[in-house]
Amino acid sequence: MNTTEQLYLCEACGMIYDPTAGLPEAGIAPGTTWEGIPDNWRCPECGVAKQDFVLRSF
């Protein structure tokens, strides 16, 4: 079986958001979908807006 992992990449700094892992240090629990993150959330590494992330499938 072939599974695809969907990750979200910050185009500014390269930080990757993995919904499976979440970002507990930023208050985002493991299992939180991208849609579940508030629209005003910012990259914890460089501060760019959520809209500046792009979906990448691996």
PDB file of N, CA and C in Angstrom:
ATOM      1  N   MET A   1       0.830  -1.169   0.000  1.00  0.00           N
ATOM      2  CA  MET A   1       0.000   0.000   0.000  1.00  0.00           C
ATOM      3  C   MET A   1       0.884   1.246   0.000  1.00  0.00           C
ATOM      4  N   ASN A   2       0.525   2.229  -0.783  1.00  0.00           N
ATOM      5  CA  ASN A   2       1.293   3.466  -0.899  1.00  0.00           C
ATOM      6  C   ASN A   2       0.556   4.573  -0.151  1.00  0.00           C
ATOM      7  N   THR A   3       1.170   5.139   0.868  1.00  0.00           N
ATOM      8  CA  THR A   3       0.553   6.239   1.600  1.00  0.00           C
ATOM      9  C   THR A   3       1.324   7.514   1.342  1.00  0.00           C
ATOM     10  N   THR A   4       0.616   8.618   1.359  1.00  0.00           N
ATOM     11  CA  THR A   4       1.223   9.917   1.126  1.00  0.00           C
ATOM     12  C   THR A   4       1.111  10.740   2.395  1.00  0.00           C
ATOM     13  N   GLU A   5       2.227  11.295   2.822  1.00  0.00           N
ATOM     14  CA  GLU A   5       2.247  12.157   3.995  1.00  0.00           C
ATOM     15  C   GLU A   5       2.139  13.599   3.528  1.00  0.00           C
ATOM     16  N   GLN A   6       1.211  14.351   4.136  1.00  0.00           N
ATOM     17  CA  GLN A   6       1.037  15.745   3.781  1.00  0.00           C
ATOM     18  C   GLN A   6       1.629  16.619   4.876  1.00  0.00           C
ATOM     19  N   LEU A   7       2.570  17.455   4.472  1.00  0.00           N
ATOM     20  CA  LEU A   7       3.251  18.373   5.378  1.00  0.00           C
ATOM     21  C   LEU A   7       3.098  19.778   4.826  1.00  0.00           C
ATOM     22  N   TYR A   8       3.249  20.755   5.693  1.00  0.00           N
ATOM     23  CA  TYR A   8       3.105  22.158   5.291  1.00  0.00           C
ATOM     24  C   TYR A   8       4.442  22.858   5.494  1.00  0.00           C
ATOM     25  N   LEU A   9       4.933  23.468   4.427  1.00  0.00           N
ATOM     26  CA  LEU A   9       6.261  24.068   4.385  1.00  0.00           C
ATOM     27  C   LEU A   9       6.180  25.583   4.395  1.00  0.00           C
ATOM     28  N   CYS A  10       6.915  26.208   5.309  1.00  0.00           N
ATOM     29  CA  CYS A  10       7.039  27.668   5.313  1.00  0.00           C
ATOM     30  C   CYS A  10       8.004  28.032   4.195  1.00  0.00           C
ATOM     31  N   GLU A  11       7.523  28.776   3.227  1.00  0.00           N
ATOM     32  CA  GLU A  11       8.379  29.138   2.099  1.00  0.00           C
ATOM     33  C   GLU A  11       9.469  30.126   2.483  1.00  0.00           C
ATOM     34  N   ALA A  12       9.284  30.837   3.578  1.00  0.00           N
ATOM     35  CA  ALA A  12      10.278  31.826   3.984  1.00  0.00           C
ATOM     36  C   ALA A  12      11.494  31.202   4.663  1.00  0.00           C
ATOM     37  N   CYS A  13      11.254  30.231   5.568  1.00  0.00           N
ATOM     38  CA  CYS A  13      12.382  29.717   6.340  1.00  0.00           C
ATOM     39  C   CYS A  13      12.589  28.201   6.242  1.00  0.00           C
ATOM     40  N   GLY A  14      11.629  27.499   5.639  1.00  0.00           N
ATOM     41  CA  GLY A  14      11.786  26.061   5.476  1.00  0.00           C
ATOM     42  C   GLY A  14      11.242  25.229   6.630  1.00  0.00           C
ATOM     43  N   MET A  15      10.656  25.865   7.634  1.00  0.00           N
ATOM     44  CA  MET A  15      10.073  25.123   8.750  1.00  0.00           C
ATOM     45  C   MET A  15       8.931  24.257   8.216  1.00  0.00           C
ATOM     46  N   ILE A  16       8.804  23.043   8.731  1.00  0.00           N
ATOM     47  CA  ILE A  16       7.771  22.122   8.278  1.00  0.00           C
ATOM     48  C   ILE A  16       6.788  21.859   9.415  1.00  0.00           C
ATOM     49  N   TYR A  17       5.487  21.985   9.089  1.00  0.00           N
ATOM     50  CA  TYR A  17       4.445  21.603  10.042  1.00  0.00           C
ATOM     51  C   TYR A  17       3.920  20.233   9.651  1.00  0.00           C
ATOM     52  N   ASP A  18       4.004  19.301  10.588  1.00  0.00           N
ATOM     53  CA  ASP A  18       3.510  17.935  10.408  1.00  0.00           C
ATOM     54  C   ASP A  18       2.284  17.775  11.299  1.00  0.00           C
ATOM     55  N   PRO A  19       1.087  17.636  10.710  1.00  0.00           N
ATOM     56  CA  PRO A  19      -0.125  17.510  11.520  1.00  0.00           C
ATOM     57  C   PRO A  19      -0.087  16.337  12.502  1.00  0.00           C
ATOM     58  N   THR A  20       0.601  15.270  12.164  1.00  0.00           N
ATOM     59  CA  THR A  20       0.686  14.117  13.061  1.00  0.00           C
ATOM     60  C   THR A  20       1.414  14.490  14.350  1.00  0.00           C
ATOM     61  N   ALA A  21       2.479  15.254  14.231  1.00  0.00           N
ATOM     62  CA  ALA A  21       3.288  15.645  15.388  1.00  0.00           C
ATOM     63  C   ALA A  21       2.759  16.900  16.080  1.00  0.00           C
ATOM     64  N   GLY A  22       2.077  17.772  15.321  1.00  0.00           N
ATOM     65  CA  GLY A  22       1.657  19.060  15.869  1.00  0.00           C
ATOM     66  C   GLY A  22       2.874  19.904  16.212  1.00  0.00           C
ATOM     67  N   LEU A  23       2.676  20.906  17.026  1.00  0.00           N
ATOM     68  CA  LEU A  23       3.763  21.751  17.542  1.00  0.00           C
ATOM     69  C   LEU A  23       3.459  22.043  19.007  1.00  0.00           C
ATOM     70  N   PRO A  24       3.623  21.032  19.868  1.00  0.00           N
ATOM     71  CA  PRO A  24       3.273  21.228  21.279  1.00  0.00           C
ATOM     72  C   PRO A  24       3.948  22.449  21.910  1.00  0.00           C
ATOM     73  N   GLU A  25       5.177  22.745  21.511  1.00  0.00           N
ATOM     74  CA  GLU A  25       5.888  23.893  22.072  1.00  0.00           C
ATOM     75  C   GLU A  25       5.257  25.221  21.666  1.00  0.00           C
ATOM     76  N   ALA A  26       4.408  25.189  20.608  1.00  0.00           N
ATOM     77  CA  ALA A  26       3.700  26.391  20.164  1.00  0.00           C
ATOM     78  C   ALA A  26       2.211  26.301  20.501  1.00  0.00           C
ATOM     79  N   GLY A  27       1.834  25.308  21.329  1.00  0.00           N
ATOM     80  CA  GLY A  27       0.444  25.174  21.754  1.00  0.00           C
ATOM     81  C   GLY A  27      -0.455  24.434  20.788  1.00  0.00           C
ATOM     82  N   ILE A  28       0.130  23.736  19.806  1.00  0.00           N
ATOM     83  CA  ILE A  28      -0.658  22.988  18.835  1.00  0.00           C
ATOM     84  C   ILE A  28      -0.474  21.494  19.104  1.00  0.00           C
ATOM     85  N   ALA A  29      -1.562  20.855  19.501  1.00  0.00           N
ATOM     86  CA  ALA A  29      -1.511  19.450  19.904  1.00  0.00           C
ATOM     87  C   ALA A  29      -1.259  18.520  18.713  1.00  0.00           C
ATOM     88  N   PRO A  30      -0.594  17.389  18.962  1.00  0.00           N
ATOM     89  CA  PRO A  30      -0.452  16.375  17.915  1.00  0.00           C
ATOM     90  C   PRO A  30      -1.832  16.002  17.375  1.00  0.00           C
ATOM     91  N   GLY A  31      -1.892  15.803  16.058  1.00  0.00           N
ATOM     92  CA  GLY A  31      -3.153  15.451  15.417  1.00  0.00           C
ATOM     93  C   GLY A  31      -3.961  16.639  14.945  1.00  0.00           C
ATOM     94  N   THR A  32      -3.476  17.857  15.199  1.00  0.00           N
ATOM     95  CA  THR A  32      -4.199  19.055  14.767  1.00  0.00           C
ATOM     96  C   THR A  32      -4.024  19.247  13.260  1.00  0.00           C
ATOM     97  N   THR A  33      -5.139  19.249  12.540  1.00  0.00           N
ATOM     98  CA  THR A  33      -5.085  19.453  11.090  1.00  0.00           C
ATOM     99  C   THR A  33      -4.681  20.892  10.785  1.00  0.00           C
ATOM    100  N   TRP A  34      -4.259  21.116   9.571  1.00  0.00           N
ATOM    101  CA  TRP A  34      -3.890  22.468   9.136  1.00  0.00           C
ATOM    102  C   TRP A  34      -5.092  23.396   9.256  1.00  0.00           C
ATOM    103  N   GLU A  35      -6.262  22.882   8.904  1.00  0.00           N
ATOM    104  CA  GLU A  35      -7.484  23.671   8.987  1.00  0.00           C
ATOM    105  C   GLU A  35      -7.830  24.008  10.430  1.00  0.00           C
ATOM    106  N   GLY A  36      -7.351  23.213  11.382  1.00  0.00           N
ATOM    107  CA  GLY A  36      -7.613  23.432  12.795  1.00  0.00           C
ATOM    108  C   GLY A  36      -6.738  24.494  13.438  1.00  0.00           C
ATOM    109  N   ILE A  37      -5.727  24.940  12.716  1.00  0.00           N
ATOM    110  CA  ILE A  37      -4.845  26.002  13.221  1.00  0.00           C
ATOM    111  C   ILE A  37      -5.493  27.348  12.899  1.00  0.00           C
ATOM    112  N   PRO A  38      -5.558  28.265  13.857  1.00  0.00           N
ATOM    113  CA  PRO A  38      -6.197  29.564  13.602  1.00  0.00           C
ATOM    114  C   PRO A  38      -5.555  30.301  12.420  1.00  0.00           C
ATOM    115  N   ASP A  39      -6.374  31.039  11.682  1.00  0.00           N
ATOM    116  CA  ASP A  39      -5.888  31.776  10.517  1.00  0.00           C
ATOM    117  C   ASP A  39      -4.857  32.842  10.871  1.00  0.00           C
ATOM    118  N   ASN A  40      -4.872  33.324  12.118  1.00  0.00           N
ATOM    119  CA  ASN A  40      -3.917  34.358  12.512  1.00  0.00           C
ATOM    120  C   ASN A  40      -2.615  33.768  13.073  1.00  0.00           C
ATOM    121  N   TRP A  41      -2.463  32.439  13.019  1.00  0.00           N
ATOM    122  CA  TRP A  41      -1.246  31.771  13.487  1.00  0.00           C
ATOM    123  C   TRP A  41      -0.069  32.186  12.616  1.00  0.00           C
ATOM    124  N   ARG A  42       1.102  32.256  13.217  1.00  0.00           N
ATOM    125  CA  ARG A  42       2.319  32.635  12.495  1.00  0.00           C
ATOM    126  C   ARG A  42       3.388  31.581  12.709  1.00  0.00           C
ATOM    127  N   CYS A  43       4.287  31.479  11.754  1.00  0.00           N
ATOM    128  CA  CYS A  43       5.397  30.537  11.839  1.00  0.00           C
ATOM    129  C   CYS A  43       6.203  30.837  13.110  1.00  0.00           C
ATOM    130  N   PRO A  44       6.412  29.830  13.955  1.00  0.00           N
ATOM    131  CA  PRO A  44       7.172  30.085  15.184  1.00  0.00           C
ATOM    132  C   PRO A  44       8.655  30.326  14.943  1.00  0.00           C
ATOM    133  N   GLU A  45       9.142  30.009  13.763  1.00  0.00           N
ATOM    134  CA  GLU A  45      10.564  30.207  13.435  1.00  0.00           C
ATOM    135  C   GLU A  45      10.842  31.601  12.883  1.00  0.00           C
ATOM    136  N   CYS A  46       9.969  32.085  11.969  1.00  0.00           N
ATOM    137  CA  CYS A  46      10.286  33.363  11.310  1.00  0.00           C
ATOM    138  C   CYS A  46       9.155  34.391  11.347  1.00  0.00           C
ATOM    139  N   GLY A  47       7.960  33.985  11.799  1.00  0.00           N
ATOM    140  CA  GLY A  47       6.883  34.942  11.983  1.00  0.00           C
ATOM    141  C   GLY A  47       5.987  35.206  10.785  1.00  0.00           C
ATOM    142  N   VAL A  48       6.192  34.515   9.658  1.00  0.00           N
ATOM    143  CA  VAL A  48       5.311  34.760   8.517  1.00  0.00           C
ATOM    144  C   VAL A  48       3.937  34.165   8.769  1.00  0.00           C
ATOM    145  N   ALA A  49       2.957  34.626   8.022  1.00  0.00           N
ATOM    146  CA  ALA A  49       1.568  34.212   8.196  1.00  0.00           C
ATOM    147  C   ALA A  49       1.332  32.777   7.730  1.00  0.00           C
ATOM    148  N   LYS A  50       0.289  32.168   8.277  1.00  0.00           N
ATOM    149  CA  LYS A  50      -0.120  30.809   7.907  1.00  0.00           C
ATOM    150  C   LYS A  50      -0.302  30.692   6.386  1.00  0.00           C
ATOM    151  N   GLN A  51      -0.794  31.742   5.762  1.00  0.00           N
ATOM    152  CA  GLN A  51      -1.036  31.736   4.320  1.00  0.00           C
ATOM    153  C   GLN A  51       0.244  31.565   3.500  1.00  0.00           C
ATOM    154  N   ASP A  52       1.402  31.788   4.122  1.00  0.00           N
ATOM    155  CA  ASP A  52       2.680  31.671   3.411  1.00  0.00           C
ATOM    156  C   ASP A  52       3.251  30.257   3.451  1.00  0.00           C
ATOM    157  N   PHE A  53       2.498  29.316   4.018  1.00  0.00           N
ATOM    158  CA  PHE A  53       2.889  27.920   3.999  1.00  0.00           C
ATOM    159  C   PHE A  53       2.288  27.247   2.772  1.00  0.00           C
ATOM    160  N   VAL A  54       2.983  26.251   2.246  1.00  0.00           N
ATOM    161  CA  VAL A  54       2.472  25.500   1.093  1.00  0.00           C
ATOM    162  C   VAL A  54       2.411  24.013   1.447  1.00  0.00           C
ATOM    163  N   LEU A  55       1.417  23.355   0.895  1.00  0.00           N
ATOM    164  CA  LEU A  55       1.248  21.927   1.122  1.00  0.00           C
ATOM    165  C   LEU A  55       2.246  21.166   0.282  1.00  0.00           C
ATOM    166  N   ARG A  56       2.916  20.207   0.904  1.00  0.00           N
ATOM    167  CA  ARG A  56       3.845  19.315   0.208  1.00  0.00           C
ATOM    168  C   ARG A  56       3.462  17.885   0.554  1.00  0.00           C
ATOM    169  N   SER A  57       3.383  17.032  -0.431  1.00  0.00           N
ATOM    170  CA  SER A  57       3.079  15.617  -0.214  1.00  0.00           C
ATOM    171  C   SER A  57       4.328  14.798  -0.467  1.00  0.00           C
ATOM    172  N   PHE A  58       4.601  13.878   0.432  1.00  0.00           N
ATOM    173  CA  PHE A  58       5.792  13.035   0.331  1.00  0.00           C
ATOM    174  C   PHE A  58       5.370  11.582   0.341  1.00  0.00           C
TER     175      PHE A  58
END
